[in-house]
Each structure stands twice: as C-alpha cells, then as structure tokens.
Amino acid sequence: MSAAQVGHFNILYFASASSYTMTNAESLPAPLPLSKLFGLLEERYKGIKQNVLESSLVTVNLTYVDVEGDGEDMVIKEGDEVAIIPPVSSG
C-alpha cells in the first residue's frame, strides 16, 4: 500500500477482517484516538466489532497495542499504519 493521504492513516485488514470489509487496506482520517477506532469501524462495517475486532490483535506502526487499555491515551496520527490481525486457524 502506498503512503497515507495527507491527514489520514492507513489501516490494513488481514484474514477475516479483510473478508468482512471486502478490502485489504484503506485510508482513514487522522488524528483518531485509539479508543475510538473500533467504534469508527463499527459505523463503517456493521457487526465487525463483535464478529472480528473483539478477538483480533491490533498494531500501530508494527507495535501491538491494547485498544481497551492503551486506547485511553494513544492517538493514531497522520501517516501511521494500523493493522487488524484476527486469529488464524490452521490444520
């Protein structure tokens, strides 16, 4: 994916998150408090919070974050890269 648009951050979707959103990546407006990320995605993709996000890992600039814990203070900034990484089963 190319660099985020001015005033935006990139969000990458993997596995079931990609299937749910029907895209691998998109650009969203920044800044955005991390605590508001799941709510914003729920507005865009009804049901994603319960079906995907609650069991997913999240990274910001390749660092794992706890949306519920870190979310109070952390702000996603312009140019940041966020990834939604759902659990993957293998067999």
PDB file of N, CA and C in Angstrom:
ATOM      1  N   MET A   1       0.851  -1.183   0.000  1.00  0.00           N
ATOM      2  CA  MET A   1       0.000   0.000   0.000  1.00  0.00           C
ATOM      3  C   MET A   1       0.888   1.234   0.000  1.00  0.00           C
ATOM      4  N   SER A   2       0.455   2.244  -0.660  1.00  0.00           N
ATOM      5  CA  SER A   2       1.217   3.496  -0.714  1.00  0.00           C
ATOM      6  C   SER A   2       1.035   4.288   0.570  1.00  0.00           C
ATOM      7  N   ALA A   3       1.782   5.375   0.666  1.00  0.00           N
ATOM      8  CA  ALA A   3       1.702   6.230   1.851  1.00  0.00           C
ATOM      9  C   ALA A   3       0.277   6.750   2.026  1.00  0.00           C
ATOM     10  N   ALA A   4      -0.068   7.010   3.270  1.00  0.00           N
ATOM     11  CA  ALA A   4      -1.407   7.518   3.576  1.00  0.00           C
ATOM     12  C   ALA A   4      -1.608   8.893   2.941  1.00  0.00           C
ATOM     13  N   GLN A   5      -2.839   9.193   2.605  1.00  0.00           N
ATOM     14  CA  GLN A   5      -3.185  10.521   2.105  1.00  0.00           C
ATOM     15  C   GLN A   5      -2.885  11.547   3.190  1.00  0.00           C
ATOM     16  N   VAL A   6      -2.682  12.769   2.800  1.00  0.00           N
ATOM     17  CA  VAL A   6      -2.456  13.841   3.767  1.00  0.00           C
ATOM     18  C   VAL A   6      -3.649  13.881   4.727  1.00  0.00           C
ATOM     19  N   GLY A   7      -3.349  13.932   6.017  1.00  0.00           N
ATOM     20  CA  GLY A   7      -4.409  13.988   7.017  1.00  0.00           C
ATOM     21  C   GLY A   7      -5.060  12.647   7.296  1.00  0.00           C
ATOM     22  N   HIS A   8      -4.444  11.561   6.866  1.00  0.00           N
ATOM     23  CA  HIS A   8      -5.015  10.228   7.040  1.00  0.00           C
ATOM     24  C   HIS A   8      -3.973   9.249   7.574  1.00  0.00           C
ATOM     25  N   PHE A   9      -4.454   8.076   8.030  1.00  0.00           N
ATOM     26  CA  PHE A   9      -3.580   6.957   8.357  1.00  0.00           C
ATOM     27  C   PHE A   9      -4.061   5.756   7.561  1.00  0.00           C
ATOM     28  N   ASN A  10      -3.173   4.789   7.350  1.00  0.00           N
ATOM     29  CA  ASN A  10      -3.539   3.572   6.640  1.00  0.00           C
ATOM     30  C   ASN A  10      -3.947   2.504   7.636  1.00  0.00           C
ATOM     31  N   ILE A  11      -4.970   1.751   7.277  1.00  0.00           N
ATOM     32  CA  ILE A  11      -5.375   0.607   8.081  1.00  0.00           C
ATOM     33  C   ILE A  11      -5.354  -0.617   7.177  1.00  0.00           C
ATOM     34  N   LEU A  12      -4.703  -1.669   7.654  1.00  0.00           N
ATOM     35  CA  LEU A  12      -4.566  -2.913   6.912  1.00  0.00           C
ATOM     36  C   LEU A  12      -5.439  -3.970   7.563  1.00  0.00           C
ATOM     37  N   TYR A  13      -6.136  -4.732   6.753  1.00  0.00           N
ATOM     38  CA  TYR A  13      -7.026  -5.789   7.246  1.00  0.00           C
ATOM     39  C   TYR A  13      -6.482  -7.134   6.801  1.00  0.00           C
ATOM     40  N   PHE A  14      -6.389  -8.078   7.728  1.00  0.00           N
ATOM     41  CA  PHE A  14      -5.901  -9.409   7.427  1.00  0.00           C
ATOM     42  C   PHE A  14      -6.981 -10.445   7.710  1.00  0.00           C
ATOM     43  N   ALA A  15      -6.875 -11.586   7.040  1.00  0.00           N
ATOM     44  CA  ALA A  15      -7.738 -12.749   7.257  1.00  0.00           C
ATOM     45  C   ALA A  15      -9.223 -12.362   7.256  1.00  0.00           C
ATOM     46  N   SER A  16      -9.956 -12.719   8.328  1.00  0.00           N
ATOM     47  CA  SER A  16     -11.403 -12.467   8.350  1.00  0.00           C
ATOM     48  C   SER A  16     -11.738 -10.981   8.343  1.00  0.00           C
ATOM     49  N   ALA A  17     -10.834 -10.129   8.814  1.00  0.00           N
ATOM     50  CA  ALA A  17     -11.082  -8.677   8.765  1.00  0.00           C
ATOM     51  C   ALA A  17     -11.147  -8.219   7.312  1.00  0.00           C
ATOM     52  N   SER A  18     -10.280  -8.766   6.489  1.00  0.00           N
ATOM     53  CA  SER A  18     -10.279  -8.435   5.059  1.00  0.00           C
ATOM     54  C   SER A  18     -11.556  -8.942   4.393  1.00  0.00           C
ATOM     55  N   SER A  19     -11.958 -10.150   4.750  1.00  0.00           N
ATOM     56  CA  SER A  19     -13.196 -10.706   4.193  1.00  0.00           C
ATOM     57  C   SER A  19     -14.401  -9.871   4.609  1.00  0.00           C
ATOM     58  N   TYR A  20     -14.425  -9.432   5.863  1.00  0.00           N
ATOM     59  CA  TYR A  20     -15.565  -8.676   6.383  1.00  0.00           C
ATOM     60  C   TYR A  20     -15.673  -7.301   5.736  1.00  0.00           C
ATOM     61  N   THR A  21     -14.537  -6.631   5.536  1.00  0.00           N
ATOM     62  CA  THR A  21     -14.546  -5.278   4.975  1.00  0.00           C
ATOM     63  C   THR A  21     -14.519  -5.269   3.454  1.00  0.00           C
ATOM     64  N   MET A  22     -14.223  -6.422   2.865  1.00  0.00           N
ATOM     65  CA  MET A  22     -14.106  -6.565   1.402  1.00  0.00           C
ATOM     66  C   MET A  22     -12.955  -5.724   0.841  1.00  0.00           C
ATOM     67  N   THR A  23     -11.933  -5.456   1.674  1.00  0.00           N
ATOM     68  CA  THR A  23     -10.739  -4.737   1.224  1.00  0.00           C
ATOM     69  C   THR A  23      -9.567  -5.162   2.093  1.00  0.00           C
ATOM     70  N   ASN A  24      -8.364  -5.021   1.557  1.00  0.00           N
ATOM     71  CA  ASN A  24      -7.153  -5.328   2.318  1.00  0.00           C
ATOM     72  C   ASN A  24      -6.641  -4.110   3.070  1.00  0.00           C
ATOM     73  N   ALA A  25      -7.024  -2.920   2.600  1.00  0.00           N
ATOM     74  CA  ALA A  25      -6.499  -1.697   3.211  1.00  0.00           C
ATOM     75  C   ALA A  25      -7.361  -0.510   2.815  1.00  0.00           C
ATOM     76  N   GLU A  26      -7.306   0.512   3.650  1.00  0.00           N
ATOM     77  CA  GLU A  26      -7.949   1.777   3.320  1.00  0.00           C
ATOM     78  C   GLU A  26      -7.295   2.882   4.118  1.00  0.00           C
ATOM     79  N   SER A  27      -7.613   4.101   3.775  1.00  0.00           N
ATOM     80  CA  SER A  27      -7.065   5.287   4.425  1.00  0.00           C
ATOM     81  C   SER A  27      -8.195   5.965   5.193  1.00  0.00           C
ATOM     82  N   LEU A  28      -7.937   6.270   6.477  1.00  0.00           N
ATOM     83  CA  LEU A  28      -8.954   6.890   7.328  1.00  0.00           C
ATOM     84  C   LEU A  28      -8.420   8.205   7.892  1.00  0.00           C
ATOM     85  N   PRO A  29      -9.309   9.144   8.220  1.00  0.00           N
ATOM     86  CA  PRO A  29      -8.888  10.457   8.719  1.00  0.00           C
ATOM     87  C   PRO A  29      -8.132  10.381  10.050  1.00  0.00           C
ATOM     88  N   ALA A  30      -7.091  11.192  10.143  1.00  0.00           N
ATOM     89  CA  ALA A  30      -6.283  11.293  11.362  1.00  0.00           C
ATOM     90  C   ALA A  30      -6.270  12.754  11.808  1.00  0.00           C
ATOM     91  N   PRO A  31      -6.048  13.008  13.072  1.00  0.00           N
ATOM     92  CA  PRO A  31      -5.785  12.046  14.142  1.00  0.00           C
ATOM     93  C   PRO A  31      -7.075  11.378  14.614  1.00  0.00           C
ATOM     94  N   LEU A  32      -6.896  10.202  15.232  1.00  0.00           N
ATOM     95  CA  LEU A  32      -8.022   9.453  15.784  1.00  0.00           C
ATOM     96  C   LEU A  32      -7.559   8.806  17.085  1.00  0.00           C
ATOM     97  N   PRO A  33      -8.238   9.087  18.198  1.00  0.00           N
ATOM     98  CA  PRO A  33      -7.881   8.386  19.434  1.00  0.00           C
ATOM     99  C   PRO A  33      -8.053   6.882  19.223  1.00  0.00           C
ATOM    100  N   LEU A  34      -7.078   6.101  19.669  1.00  0.00           N
ATOM    101  CA  LEU A  34      -7.150   4.650  19.522  1.00  0.00           C
ATOM    102  C   LEU A  34      -8.447   4.112  20.123  1.00  0.00           C
ATOM    103  N   SER A  35      -8.904   4.717  21.210  1.00  0.00           N
ATOM    104  CA  SER A  35     -10.122   4.266  21.878  1.00  0.00           C
ATOM    105  C   SER A  35     -11.361   4.401  20.982  1.00  0.00           C
ATOM    106  N   LYS A  36     -11.289   5.192  19.929  1.00  0.00           N
ATOM    107  CA  LYS A  36     -12.431   5.391  19.034  1.00  0.00           C
ATOM    108  C   LYS A  36     -12.344   4.541  17.767  1.00  0.00           C
ATOM    109  N   LEU A  37     -11.238   3.808  17.588  1.00  0.00           N
ATOM    110  CA  LEU A  37     -11.036   3.034  16.358  1.00  0.00           C
ATOM    111  C   LEU A  37     -12.141   2.011  16.129  1.00  0.00           C
ATOM    112  N   PHE A  38     -12.434   1.168  17.118  1.00  0.00           N
ATOM    113  CA  PHE A  38     -13.439   0.123  16.927  1.00  0.00           C
ATOM    114  C   PHE A  38     -14.818   0.721  16.647  1.00  0.00           C
ATOM    115  N   GLY A  39     -15.153   1.830  17.300  1.00  0.00           N
ATOM    116  CA  GLY A  39     -16.440   2.480  17.062  1.00  0.00           C
ATOM    117  C   GLY A  39     -16.540   2.999  15.634  1.00  0.00           C
ATOM    118  N   LEU A  40     -15.463   3.595  15.140  1.00  0.00           N
ATOM    119  CA  LEU A  40     -15.441   4.089  13.763  1.00  0.00           C
ATOM    120  C   LEU A  40     -15.608   2.941  12.773  1.00  0.00           C
ATOM    121  N   LEU A  41     -14.895   1.849  13.009  1.00  0.00           N
ATOM    122  CA  LEU A  41     -15.005   0.703  12.101  1.00  0.00           C
ATOM    123  C   LEU A  41     -16.391   0.068  12.174  1.00  0.00           C
ATOM    124  N   GLU A  42     -16.998   0.057  13.361  1.00  0.00           N
ATOM    125  CA  GLU A  42     -18.358  -0.475  13.517  1.00  0.00           C
ATOM    126  C   GLU A  42     -19.356   0.374  12.724  1.00  0.00           C
ATOM    127  N   GLU A  43     -19.159   1.697  12.706  1.00  0.00           N
ATOM    128  CA  GLU A  43     -20.040   2.569  11.916  1.00  0.00           C
ATOM    129  C   GLU A  43     -19.931   2.251  10.424  1.00  0.00           C
ATOM    130  N   ARG A  44     -18.730   1.950   9.970  1.00  0.00           N
ATOM    131  CA  ARG A  44     -18.486   1.676   8.549  1.00  0.00           C
ATOM    132  C   ARG A  44     -18.904   0.259   8.152  1.00  0.00           C
ATOM    133  N   TYR A  45     -18.701  -0.689   9.076  1.00  0.00           N
ATOM    134  CA  TYR A  45     -18.938  -2.117   8.787  1.00  0.00           C
ATOM    135  C   TYR A  45     -19.734  -2.715   9.940  1.00  0.00           C
ATOM    136  N   LYS A  46     -21.053  -2.594   9.868  1.00  0.00           N
ATOM    137  CA  LYS A  46     -21.941  -3.059  10.937  1.00  0.00           C
ATOM    138  C   LYS A  46     -21.648  -4.510  11.321  1.00  0.00           C
ATOM    139  N   GLY A  47     -21.465  -4.739  12.616  1.00  0.00           N
ATOM    140  CA  GLY A  47     -21.227  -6.082  13.138  1.00  0.00           C
ATOM    141  C   GLY A  47     -19.765  -6.474  13.232  1.00  0.00           C
ATOM    142  N   ILE A  48     -18.856  -5.647  12.693  1.00  0.00           N
ATOM    143  CA  ILE A  48     -17.440  -6.036  12.687  1.00  0.00           C
ATOM    144  C   ILE A  48     -16.860  -6.114  14.091  1.00  0.00           C
ATOM    145  N   LYS A  49     -17.331  -5.285  14.992  1.00  0.00           N
ATOM    146  CA  LYS A  49     -16.766  -5.286  16.349  1.00  0.00           C
ATOM    147  C   LYS A  49     -16.950  -6.647  17.001  1.00  0.00           C
ATOM    148  N   GLN A  50     -18.165  -7.129  17.022  1.00  0.00           N
ATOM    149  CA  GLN A  50     -18.457  -8.413  17.665  1.00  0.00           C
ATOM    150  C   GLN A  50     -17.904  -9.581  16.864  1.00  0.00           C
ATOM    151  N   ASN A  51     -18.008  -9.528  15.543  1.00  0.00           N
ATOM    152  CA  ASN A  51     -17.628 -10.668  14.711  1.00  0.00           C
ATOM    153  C   ASN A  51     -16.141 -10.781  14.424  1.00  0.00           C
ATOM    154  N   VAL A  52     -15.411  -9.686  14.483  1.00  0.00           N
ATOM    155  CA  VAL A  52     -13.991  -9.713  14.116  1.00  0.00           C
ATOM    156  C   VAL A  52     -13.109  -9.015  15.155  1.00  0.00           C
ATOM    157  N   LEU A  53     -13.414  -7.763  15.472  1.00  0.00           N
ATOM    158  CA  LEU A  53     -12.488  -6.934  16.233  1.00  0.00           C
ATOM    159  C   LEU A  53     -12.244  -7.408  17.660  1.00  0.00           C
ATOM    160  N   GLU A  54     -13.272  -7.897  18.335  1.00  0.00           N
ATOM    161  CA  GLU A  54     -13.125  -8.284  19.739  1.00  0.00           C
ATOM    162  C   GLU A  54     -12.132  -9.421  19.943  1.00  0.00           C
ATOM    163  N   SER A  55     -11.868 -10.216  18.893  1.00  0.00           N
ATOM    164  CA  SER A  55     -10.908 -11.313  19.012  1.00  0.00           C
ATOM    165  C   SER A  55      -9.620 -11.039  18.237  1.00  0.00           C
ATOM    166  N   SER A  56      -9.462  -9.833  17.722  1.00  0.00           N
ATOM    167  CA  SER A  56      -8.299  -9.500  16.895  1.00  0.00           C
ATOM    168  C   SER A  56      -7.191  -8.813  17.680  1.00  0.00           C
ATOM    169  N   LEU A  57      -5.981  -8.951  17.171  1.00  0.00           N
ATOM    170  CA  LEU A  57      -4.853  -8.161  17.652  1.00  0.00           C
ATOM    171  C   LEU A  57      -4.782  -6.907  16.796  1.00  0.00           C
ATOM    172  N   VAL A  58      -4.258  -5.830  17.374  1.00  0.00           N
ATOM    173  CA  VAL A  58      -4.128  -4.564  16.651  1.00  0.00           C
ATOM    174  C   VAL A  58      -2.689  -4.082  16.802  1.00  0.00           C
ATOM    175  N   THR A  59      -2.107  -3.617  15.691  1.00  0.00           N
ATOM    176  CA  THR A  59      -0.795  -2.985  15.763  1.00  0.00           C
ATOM    177  C   THR A  59      -0.893  -1.552  15.245  1.00  0.00           C
ATOM    178  N   VAL A  60      -0.049  -0.703  15.799  1.00  0.00           N
ATOM    179  CA  VAL A  60       0.134   0.651  15.287  1.00  0.00           C
ATOM    180  C   VAL A  60       1.626   0.790  15.022  1.00  0.00           C
ATOM    181  N   ASN A  61       1.966   1.012  13.766  1.00  0.00           N
ATOM    182  CA  ASN A  61       3.372   1.098  13.354  1.00  0.00           C
ATOM    183  C   ASN A  61       4.165  -0.119  13.828  1.00  0.00           C
ATOM    184  N   LEU A  62       3.569  -1.302  13.608  1.00  0.00           N
ATOM    185  CA  LEU A  62       4.173  -2.608  13.891  1.00  0.00           C
ATOM    186  C   LEU A  62       4.336  -2.921  15.376  1.00  0.00           C
ATOM    187  N   THR A  63       3.734  -2.135  16.263  1.00  0.00           N
ATOM    188  CA  THR A  63       3.771  -2.389  17.696  1.00  0.00           C
ATOM    189  C   THR A  63       2.373  -2.792  18.155  1.00  0.00           C
ATOM    190  N   TYR A  64       2.286  -3.950  18.815  1.00  0.00           N
ATOM    191  CA  TYR A  64       0.980  -4.391  19.314  1.00  0.00           C
ATOM    192  C   TYR A  64       0.471  -3.419  20.374  1.00  0.00           C
ATOM    193  N   VAL A  65      -0.828  -3.122  20.304  1.00  0.00           N
ATOM    194  CA  VAL A  65      -1.463  -2.232  21.262  1.00  0.00           C
ATOM    195  C   VAL A  65      -2.712  -2.895  21.817  1.00  0.00           C
ATOM    196  N   ASP A  66      -3.080  -2.506  23.007  1.00  0.00           N
ATOM    197  CA  ASP A  66      -4.307  -2.964  23.645  1.00  0.00           C
ATOM    198  C   ASP A  66      -5.325  -1.837  23.488  1.00  0.00           C
ATOM    199  N   VAL A  67      -6.258  -2.014  22.575  1.00  0.00           N
ATOM    200  CA  VAL A  67      -7.219  -0.951  22.267  1.00  0.00           C
ATOM    201  C   VAL A  67      -7.987  -0.538  23.517  1.00  0.00           C
ATOM    202  N   GLU A  68      -8.348  -1.501  24.345  1.00  0.00           N
ATOM    203  CA  GLU A  68      -9.100  -1.181  25.558  1.00  0.00           C
ATOM    204  C   GLU A  68      -8.205  -0.501  26.600  1.00  0.00           C
ATOM    205  N   GLY A  69      -6.969  -0.950  26.747  1.00  0.00           N
ATOM    206  CA  GLY A  69      -6.068  -0.393  27.756  1.00  0.00           C
ATOM    207  C   GLY A  69      -5.328   0.843  27.271  1.00  0.00           C
ATOM    208  N   ASP A  70      -4.548   0.692  26.178  1.00  0.00           N
ATOM    209  CA  ASP A  70      -3.767   1.801  25.627  1.00  0.00           C
ATOM    210  C   ASP A  70      -4.653   2.865  25.005  1.00  0.00           C
ATOM    211  N   GLY A  71      -5.861   2.482  24.670  1.00  0.00           N
ATOM    212  CA  GLY A  71      -6.751   3.356  23.935  1.00  0.00           C
ATOM    213  C   GLY A  71      -7.085   4.666  24.609  1.00  0.00           C
ATOM    214  N   GLU A  72      -6.953   4.717  25.913  1.00  0.00           N
ATOM    215  CA  GLU A  72      -7.278   5.945  26.643  1.00  0.00           C
ATOM    216  C   GLU A  72      -6.346   7.091  26.275  1.00  0.00           C
ATOM    217  N   ASP A  73      -5.070   6.787  26.069  1.00  0.00           N
ATOM    218  CA  ASP A  73      -4.076   7.831  25.873  1.00  0.00           C
ATOM    219  C   ASP A  73      -3.517   7.912  24.456  1.00  0.00           C
ATOM    220  N   MET A  74      -3.531   6.819  23.724  1.00  0.00           N
ATOM    221  CA  MET A  74      -2.870   6.772  22.418  1.00  0.00           C
ATOM    222  C   MET A  74      -3.726   7.420  21.331  1.00  0.00           C
ATOM    223  N   VAL A  75      -3.068   8.138  20.429  1.00  0.00           N
ATOM    224  CA  VAL A  75      -3.737   8.759  19.293  1.00  0.00           C
ATOM    225  C   VAL A  75      -3.059   8.266  18.017  1.00  0.00           C
ATOM    226  N   ILE A  76      -3.870   7.788  17.077  1.00  0.00           N
ATOM    227  CA  ILE A  76      -3.362   7.393  15.764  1.00  0.00           C
ATOM    228  C   ILE A  76      -3.153   8.678  14.975  1.00  0.00           C
ATOM    229  N   LYS A  77      -1.929   8.867  14.483  1.00  0.00           N
ATOM    230  CA  LYS A  77      -1.567  10.118  13.822  1.00  0.00           C
ATOM    231  C   LYS A  77      -1.491   9.963  12.303  1.00  0.00           C
ATOM    232  N   GLU A  78      -1.471  11.084  11.624  1.00  0.00           N
ATOM    233  CA  GLU A  78      -1.305  11.112  10.174  1.00  0.00           C
ATOM    234  C   GLU A  78      -0.066  10.317   9.793  1.00  0.00           C
ATOM    235  N   GLY A  79      -0.208   9.447   8.802  1.00  0.00           N
ATOM    236  CA  GLY A  79       0.904   8.654   8.307  1.00  0.00           C
ATOM    237  C   GLY A  79       1.129   7.353   9.053  1.00  0.00           C
ATOM    238  N   ASP A  80       0.424   7.124  10.175  1.00  0.00           N
ATOM    239  CA  ASP A  80       0.577   5.875  10.917  1.00  0.00           C
ATOM    240  C   ASP A  80       0.012   4.713  10.112  1.00  0.00           C
ATOM    241  N   GLU A  81       0.458   3.508  10.469  1.00  0.00           N
ATOM    242  CA  GLU A  81      -0.069   2.293   9.862  1.00  0.00           C
ATOM    243  C   GLU A  81      -0.661   1.429  10.962  1.00  0.00           C
ATOM    244  N   VAL A  82      -1.935   1.125  10.828  1.00  0.00           N
ATOM    245  CA  VAL A  82      -2.659   0.289  11.785  1.00  0.00           C
ATOM    246  C   VAL A  82      -2.976  -1.032  11.087  1.00  0.00           C
ATOM    247  N   ALA A  83      -2.858  -2.131  11.811  1.00  0.00           N
ATOM    248  CA  ALA A  83      -3.216  -3.434  11.248  1.00  0.00           C
ATOM    249  C   ALA A  83      -4.200  -4.126  12.171  1.00  0.00           C
ATOM    250  N   ILE A  84      -5.207  -4.742  11.575  1.00  0.00           N
ATOM    251  CA  ILE A  84      -6.182  -5.554  12.289  1.00  0.00           C
ATOM    252  C   ILE A  84      -5.847  -7.007  11.954  1.00  0.00           C
ATOM    253  N   ILE A  85      -5.474  -7.784  12.989  1.00  0.00           N
ATOM    254  CA  ILE A  85      -4.989  -9.148  12.780  1.00  0.00           C
ATOM    255  C   ILE A  85      -5.859 -10.125  13.558  1.00  0.00           C
ATOM    256  N   PRO A  86      -6.858 -10.711  12.884  1.00  0.00           N
ATOM    257  CA  PRO A  86      -7.719 -11.690  13.553  1.00  0.00           C
ATOM    258  C   PRO A  86      -6.959 -12.994  13.808  1.00  0.00           C
ATOM    259  N   PRO A  87      -7.479 -13.820  14.732  1.00  0.00           N
ATOM    260  CA  PRO A  87      -6.855 -15.129  14.927  1.00  0.00           C
ATOM    261  C   PRO A  87      -6.984 -15.953  13.643  1.00  0.00           C
ATOM    262  N   VAL A  88      -5.984 -16.744  13.381  1.00  0.00           N
ATOM    263  CA  VAL A  88      -5.995 -17.571  12.171  1.00  0.00           C
ATOM    264  C   VAL A  88      -5.899 -19.024  12.609  1.00  0.00           C
ATOM    265  N   SER A  89      -6.787 -19.846  12.100  1.00  0.00           N
ATOM    266  CA  SER A  89      -6.727 -21.262  12.420  1.00  0.00           C
ATOM    267  C   SER A  89      -6.017 -21.998  11.307  1.00  0.00           C
ATOM    268  N   SER A  90      -5.332 -23.056  11.675  1.00  0.00           N
ATOM    269  CA  SER A  90      -4.667 -23.875  10.662  1.00  0.00           C
ATOM    270  C   SER A  90      -4.869 -25.328  11.024  1.00  0.00           C
ATOM    271  N   GLY A  91      -4.695 -26.169  10.054  1.00  0.00           N
ATOM    272  CA  GLY A  91      -4.947 -27.569  10.358  1.00  0.00           C
ATOM    273  C   GLY A  91      -4.210 -28.491   9.482  1.00  0.00           C
TER     274      GLY A  91
END
